C-alpha atoms as a PDB file:
ATOM      1  CA  UNK A   1    -113.916  72.070 -36.304  1.00  0.00           C
ATOM      2  CA  UNK A   2    -115.199  68.583 -35.684  1.00  0.00           C
ATOM      3  CA  UNK A   3    -117.827  67.745 -33.084  1.00  0.00           C
ATOM      4  CA  UNK A   4    -119.383  64.608 -31.643  1.00  0.00           C
ATOM      5  CA  UNK A   5    -123.022  64.850 -30.636  1.00  0.00           C
ATOM      6  CA  UNK A   6    -124.698  62.016 -28.741  1.00  0.00           C
ATOM      7  CA  UNK A   7    -128.428  62.358 -28.051  1.00  0.00           C
ATOM      8  CA  UNK A   8    -129.570  59.758 -25.471  1.00  0.00           C
ATOM      9  CA  UNK A   9    -133.200  58.716 -25.704  1.00  0.00           C
ATOM     10  CA  UNK A  10    -135.583  59.378 -22.840  1.00  0.00           C
ATOM     11  CA  UNK A  11    -137.278  56.207 -21.514  1.00  0.00           C
ATOM     12  CA  UNK A  12    -140.569  55.457 -23.252  1.00  0.00           C
ATOM     13  CA  UNK A  13    -139.899  57.882 -26.126  1.00  0.00           C
ATOM     14  CA  UNK A  14    -139.831  55.316 -28.955  1.00  0.00           C
ATOM     15  CA  UNK A  15    -143.299  56.182 -30.299  1.00  0.00           C
ATOM     16  CA  UNK A  16    -142.413  59.888 -30.428  1.00  0.00           C
ATOM     17  CA  UNK A  17    -139.036  59.079 -32.017  1.00  0.00           C
ATOM     18  CA  UNK A  18    -140.782  57.006 -34.721  1.00  0.00           C
ATOM     19  CA  UNK A  19    -143.330  59.765 -35.311  1.00  0.00           C
ATOM     20  CA  UNK A  20    -140.504  62.289 -35.881  1.00  0.00           C
ATOM     21  CA  UNK A  21    -138.254  60.082 -38.011  1.00  0.00           C
ATOM     22  CA  UNK A  22    -138.878  61.904 -41.293  1.00  0.00           C
ATOM     23  CA  UNK A  23    -138.425  65.278 -39.566  1.00  0.00           C
ATOM     24  CA  UNK A  24    -135.128  63.988 -38.114  1.00  0.00           C
ATOM     25  CA  UNK A  25    -133.878  62.795 -41.502  1.00  0.00           C
ATOM     26  CA  UNK A  26    -134.930  66.021 -43.211  1.00  0.00           C
ATOM     27  CA  UNK A  27    -133.059  67.981 -40.559  1.00  0.00           C
ATOM     28  CA  UNK A  28    -129.960  65.817 -41.019  1.00  0.00           C
ATOM     29  CA  UNK A  29    -130.175  66.240 -44.814  1.00  0.00           C
ATOM     30  CA  UNK A  30    -129.262  69.899 -44.225  1.00  0.00           C
ATOM     31  CA  UNK A  31    -125.935  68.718 -42.753  1.00  0.00           C
ATOM     32  CA  UNK A  32    -125.093  66.003 -45.303  1.00  0.00           C
ATOM     33  CA  UNK A  33    -121.887  67.707 -46.489  1.00  0.00           C
ATOM     34  CA  UNK A  34    -120.657  68.238 -42.920  1.00  0.00           C
ATOM     35  CA  UNK A  35    -121.397  64.686 -41.722  1.00  0.00           C
ATOM     36  CA  UNK A  36    -118.458  62.424 -40.806  1.00  0.00           C
ATOM     37  CA  UNK A  37    -120.557  59.674 -39.223  1.00  0.00           C
ATOM     38  CA  UNK A  38    -124.085  59.126 -37.985  1.00  0.00           C
ATOM     39  CA  UNK A  39    -126.354  56.443 -36.678  1.00  0.00           C
ATOM     40  CA  UNK A  40    -128.468  55.161 -33.830  1.00  0.00           C
ATOM     41  CA  UNK A  41    -127.294  53.378 -30.717  1.00  0.00           C
ATOM     42  CA  UNK A  42    -129.390  50.313 -30.003  1.00  0.00           C
ATOM     43  CA  UNK A  43    -130.551  48.264 -27.024  1.00  0.00           C
ATOM     44  CA  UNK A  44    -129.219  44.756 -26.476  1.00  0.00           C
ATOM     45  CA  UNK A  45    -131.927  43.425 -28.804  1.00  0.00           C
ATOM     46  CA  UNK A  46    -130.074  45.170 -31.660  1.00  0.00           C
ATOM     47  CA  UNK A  47    -133.250  46.857 -32.860  1.00  0.00           C
ATOM     48  CA  UNK A  48    -134.658  49.300 -30.295  1.00  0.00           C
ATOM     49  CA  UNK A  49    -133.033  52.754 -30.573  1.00  0.00           C
ATOM     50  CA  UNK A  50    -131.480  54.194 -27.407  1.00  0.00           C
ATOM     51  CA  UNK A  51    -129.826  57.294 -28.864  1.00  0.00           C
ATOM     52  CA  UNK A  52    -128.257  58.957 -31.893  1.00  0.00           C
ATOM     53  CA  UNK A  53    -124.603  59.646 -32.663  1.00  0.00           C
ATOM     54  CA  UNK A  54    -123.594  62.382 -35.107  1.00  0.00           C
ATOM     55  CA  UNK A  55    -120.044  63.446 -35.888  1.00  0.00           C
ATOM     56  CA  UNK A  56    -119.774  66.582 -38.008  1.00  0.00           C
ATOM     57  CA  UNK A  57    -117.328  69.174 -39.257  1.00  0.00           C
ATOM     58  CA  UNK A  58    -118.895  72.540 -38.394  1.00  0.00           C
ATOM     59  CA  UNK A  59    -117.547  76.112 -38.364  1.00  0.00           C
ATOM     60  CA  UNK A  60    -117.706  76.779 -34.613  1.00  0.00           C
ATOM     61  CA  UNK A  61    -119.155  75.730 -31.230  1.00  0.00           C
ATOM     62  CA  UNK A  62    -122.232  77.940 -31.661  1.00  0.00           C
ATOM     63  CA  UNK A  63    -123.170  76.128 -34.884  1.00  0.00           C
ATOM     64  CA  UNK A  64    -122.606  72.782 -33.142  1.00  0.00           C
ATOM     65  CA  UNK A  65    -124.905  73.786 -30.267  1.00  0.00           C
ATOM     66  CA  UNK A  66    -127.564  74.900 -32.746  1.00  0.00           C
ATOM     67  CA  UNK A  67    -127.239  71.546 -34.554  1.00  0.00           C
ATOM     68  CA  UNK A  68    -127.663  69.599 -31.295  1.00  0.00           C
ATOM     69  CA  UNK A  69    -130.484  71.575 -29.742  1.00  0.00           C
ATOM     70  CA  UNK A  70    -132.542  72.517 -32.816  1.00  0.00           C
ATOM     71  CA  UNK A  71    -132.855  68.833 -33.823  1.00  0.00           C
ATOM     72  CA  UNK A  72    -136.602  67.958 -34.010  1.00  0.00           C
ATOM     73  CA  UNK A  73    -136.356  65.020 -31.597  1.00  0.00           C
ATOM     74  CA  UNK A  74    -134.601  67.164 -29.024  1.00  0.00           C
ATOM     75  CA  UNK A  75    -137.185  69.935 -29.428  1.00  0.00           C
ATOM     76  CA  UNK A  76    -140.045  67.437 -28.964  1.00  0.00           C
ATOM     77  CA  UNK A  77    -138.575  65.687 -25.907  1.00  0.00           C
ATOM     78  CA  UNK A  78    -137.306  62.412 -27.403  1.00  0.00           C
ATOM     79  CA  UNK A  79    -133.920  62.773 -25.690  1.00  0.00           C
ATOM     80  CA  UNK A  80    -133.082  62.807 -21.980  1.00  0.00           C
ATOM     81  CA  UNK A  81    -129.686  64.456 -22.499  1.00  0.00           C
ATOM     82  CA  UNK A  82    -127.114  65.510 -25.065  1.00  0.00           C
ATOM     83  CA  UNK A  83    -123.349  65.106 -25.008  1.00  0.00           C
ATOM     84  CA  UNK A  84    -121.702  67.638 -27.320  1.00  0.00           C
ATOM     85  CA  UNK A  85    -117.908  67.773 -27.517  1.00  0.00           C
ATOM     86  CA  UNK A  86    -115.211  68.914 -29.868  1.00  0.00           C
ATOM     87  CA  UNK A  87    -113.687  65.869 -31.513  1.00  0.00           C
ATOM     88  CA  UNK A  88    -110.702  65.199 -33.752  1.00  0.00           C
ATOM     89  CA  UNK A  89    -111.093  62.924 -36.769  1.00  0.00           C
ATOM     90  CA  UNK A  90    -107.862  60.945 -36.335  1.00  0.00           C
ATOM     91  CA  UNK A  91    -108.676  58.607 -39.243  1.00  0.00           C
ATOM     92  CA  UNK A  92    -109.353  61.515 -41.613  1.00  0.00           C
ATOM     93  CA  UNK A  93    -112.310  59.842 -43.324  1.00  0.00           C
ATOM     94  CA  UNK A  94    -116.072  59.530 -43.120  1.00  0.00           C
ATOM     95  CA  UNK A  95    -117.986  56.387 -42.218  1.00  0.00           C
ATOM     96  CA  UNK A  96    -118.924  56.020 -45.891  1.00  0.00           C
ATOM     97  CA  UNK A  97    -115.231  55.528 -46.667  1.00  0.00           C
ATOM     98  CA  UNK A  98    -114.893  52.673 -44.149  1.00  0.00           C
ATOM     99  CA  UNK A  99    -113.614  49.696 -46.180  1.00  0.00           C
ATOM    100  CA  UNK A 100    -115.788  47.250 -44.205  1.00  0.00           C
ATOM    101  CA  UNK A 101    -119.037  48.718 -45.550  1.00  0.00           C
ATOM    102  CA  UNK A 102    -122.192  49.560 -43.612  1.00  0.00           C
ATOM    103  CA  UNK A 103    -123.508  46.134 -42.569  1.00  0.00           C
ATOM    104  CA  UNK A 104    -120.848  43.448 -42.150  1.00  0.00           C
ATOM    105  CA  UNK A 105    -120.209  42.467 -38.505  1.00  0.00           C
ATOM    106  CA  UNK A 106    -121.268  43.917 -35.160  1.00  0.00           C
ATOM    107  CA  UNK A 107    -120.870  47.677 -34.780  1.00  0.00           C
ATOM    108  CA  UNK A 108    -120.287  49.627 -31.565  1.00  0.00           C
ATOM    109  CA  UNK A 109    -120.015  53.164 -30.260  1.00  0.00           C
ATOM    110  CA  UNK A 110    -117.380  53.308 -27.522  1.00  0.00           C
ATOM    111  CA  UNK A 111    -117.337  56.406 -25.330  1.00  0.00           C
ATOM    112  CA  UNK A 112    -114.572  56.853 -22.781  1.00  0.00           C
ATOM    113  CA  UNK A 113    -114.904  59.861 -20.478  1.00  0.00           C
ATOM    114  CA  UNK A 114    -111.657  60.937 -18.857  1.00  0.00           C
ATOM    115  CA  UNK A 115    -109.694  63.768 -17.284  1.00  0.00           C
ATOM    116  CA  UNK A 116    -106.062  64.589 -16.733  1.00  0.00           C
ATOM    117  CA  UNK A 117    -103.259  63.596 -19.052  1.00  0.00           C
ATOM    118  CA  UNK A 118    -104.512  62.686 -22.534  1.00  0.00           C
ATOM    119  CA  UNK A 119    -104.678  59.010 -23.480  1.00  0.00           C
ATOM    120  CA  UNK A 120    -105.401  57.134 -26.684  1.00  0.00           C
ATOM    121  CA  UNK A 121    -104.773  60.120 -28.944  1.00  0.00           C
ATOM    122  CA  UNK A 122    -103.710  57.782 -31.727  1.00  0.00           C
ATOM    123  CA  UNK A 123    -105.705  54.738 -32.755  1.00  0.00           C
ATOM    124  CA  UNK A 124    -104.473  51.185 -32.369  1.00  0.00           C
ATOM    125  CA  UNK A 125    -102.062  49.992 -35.065  1.00  0.00           C
ATOM    126  CA  UNK A 126    -104.708  47.654 -36.508  1.00  0.00           C
ATOM    127  CA  UNK A 127    -107.213  50.119 -37.964  1.00  0.00           C
ATOM    128  CA  UNK A 128    -109.138  47.683 -40.151  1.00  0.00           C
ATOM    129  CA  UNK A 129    -112.166  47.632 -37.869  1.00  0.00           C
ATOM    130  CA  UNK A 130    -112.215  51.335 -36.978  1.00  0.00           C
ATOM    131  CA  UNK A 131    -114.988  53.358 -38.577  1.00  0.00           C
ATOM    132  CA  UNK A 132    -114.302  56.620 -36.708  1.00  0.00           C
ATOM    133  CA  UNK A 133    -111.861  57.414 -33.898  1.00  0.00           C
ATOM    134  CA  UNK A 134    -110.749  60.492 -32.012  1.00  0.00           C
ATOM    135  CA  UNK A 135    -110.315  62.391 -28.782  1.00  0.00           C
ATOM    136  CA  UNK A 136    -113.112  64.321 -27.100  1.00  0.00           C
ATOM    137  CA  UNK A 137    -111.979  67.869 -26.366  1.00  0.00           C
ATOM    138  CA  UNK A 138    -113.097  70.992 -24.528  1.00  0.00           C
ATOM    139  CA  UNK A 139    -114.809  73.726 -26.561  1.00  0.00           C
ATOM    140  CA  UNK A 140    -111.483  75.476 -27.139  1.00  0.00           C
ATOM    141  CA  UNK A 141    -109.848  72.191 -28.198  1.00  0.00           C
ATOM    142  CA  UNK A 142    -107.138  72.485 -25.535  1.00  0.00           C
ATOM    143  CA  UNK A 143    -108.257  69.958 -22.902  1.00  0.00           C
ATOM    144  CA  UNK A 144    -108.649  66.212 -23.437  1.00  0.00           C
ATOM    145  CA  UNK A 145    -111.961  64.928 -22.036  1.00  0.00           C
ATOM    146  CA  UNK A 146    -111.970  61.381 -23.356  1.00  0.00           C
ATOM    147  CA  UNK A 147    -112.012  59.299 -26.508  1.00  0.00           C
ATOM    148  CA  UNK A 148    -114.822  58.141 -28.776  1.00  0.00           C
ATOM    149  CA  UNK A 149    -114.857  55.508 -31.482  1.00  0.00           C
ATOM    150  CA  UNK A 150    -117.182  53.742 -33.862  1.00  0.00           C
ATOM    151  CA  UNK A 151    -115.952  50.283 -34.760  1.00  0.00           C
ATOM    152  CA  UNK A 152    -116.652  46.760 -35.889  1.00  0.00           C
ATOM    153  CA  UNK A 153    -115.927  44.077 -33.253  1.00  0.00           C
ATOM    154  CA  UNK A 154    -117.118  40.564 -32.417  1.00  0.00           C
ATOM    155  CA  UNK A 155    -118.604  41.636 -29.062  1.00  0.00           C
ATOM    156  CA  UNK A 156    -118.835  44.587 -26.634  1.00  0.00           C
ATOM    157  CA  UNK A 157    -115.930  43.383 -24.490  1.00  0.00           C
ATOM    158  CA  UNK A 158    -113.599  43.318 -27.489  1.00  0.00           C
ATOM    159  CA  UNK A 159    -114.790  46.778 -28.521  1.00  0.00           C
ATOM    160  CA  UNK A 160    -114.045  48.138 -25.045  1.00  0.00           C
ATOM    161  CA  UNK A 161    -110.626  46.457 -24.750  1.00  0.00           C
ATOM    162  CA  UNK A 162    -109.243  47.218 -28.202  1.00  0.00           C
ATOM    163  CA  UNK A 163    -109.620  50.972 -28.130  1.00  0.00           C
ATOM    164  CA  UNK A 164    -109.163  52.390 -24.693  1.00  0.00           C
ATOM    165  CA  UNK A 165    -106.553  52.397 -21.943  1.00  0.00           C
ATOM    166  CA  UNK A 166    -108.922  51.401 -19.110  1.00  0.00           C
ATOM    167  CA  UNK A 167    -107.191  53.153 -16.201  1.00  0.00           C
ATOM    168  CA  UNK A 168    -107.362  56.555 -17.939  1.00  0.00           C
ATOM    169  CA  UNK A 169    -111.160  56.748 -17.953  1.00  0.00           C
ATOM    170  CA  UNK A 170    -113.692  57.484 -15.232  1.00  0.00           C
ATOM    171  CA  UNK A 171    -116.307  55.687 -17.301  1.00  0.00           C
ATOM    172  CA  UNK A 172    -116.368  53.672 -20.515  1.00  0.00           C
ATOM    173  CA  UNK A 173    -119.668  53.040 -22.297  1.00  0.00           C
ATOM    174  CA  UNK A 174    -120.137  50.547 -25.110  1.00  0.00           C
ATOM    175  CA  UNK A 175    -123.318  50.803 -27.178  1.00  0.00           C
ATOM    176  CA  UNK A 176    -124.597  48.752 -30.086  1.00  0.00           C
ATOM    177  CA  UNK A 177    -124.516  51.057 -33.098  1.00  0.00           C
ATOM    178  CA  UNK A 178    -125.378  50.968 -36.772  1.00  0.00           C
ATOM    179  CA  UNK A 179    -124.754  53.158 -39.795  1.00  0.00           C
ATOM    180  CA  UNK A 180    -127.475  55.796 -39.948  1.00  0.00           C
ATOM    181  CA  UNK A 181    -129.353  57.629 -42.633  1.00  0.00           C
ATOM    182  CA  UNK A 182    -132.428  57.149 -44.710  1.00  0.00           C
ATOM    183  CA  UNK A 183    -133.465  53.604 -45.451  1.00  0.00           C
ATOM    184  CA  UNK A 184    -133.037  52.686 -49.096  1.00  0.00           C
END
């Protein structure tokens, strides 16, 4: 079962986030084999973290909840909220298999929250810039709740327009994003 977890930073939590960085990475090391994608969302300056995205293949919703809420930053109060949803890995690969590599071009996390009839269950025909793509689902996997993608695009507007059918979503968020993990 695949899950998307998005921890959004609490305002003024950067110092605490930095203090817990090694604890965060050590925690994530325990999930290295399950990880499909990971990385921070960033403010418009492209440097200041605003959240953390993790997409994992885990055995069940209880394990996913434990992953999200046992994370050291969450336990210490770095995050203001957590979005945890079932997700389907439509591309069938990890971010490390993305042919574009980890650094070339602008990267974005696009989150479309929707209800009703499913939309955007399959990715656009041109997949060259998609790093990860899939529907957000209810815990039982039966109800479509939106679509999430990690991608390379020239700007946020292009990222928003390429992936999602706008009239099917109550809200679409576009965040600067970068490949995550320990610095080399």
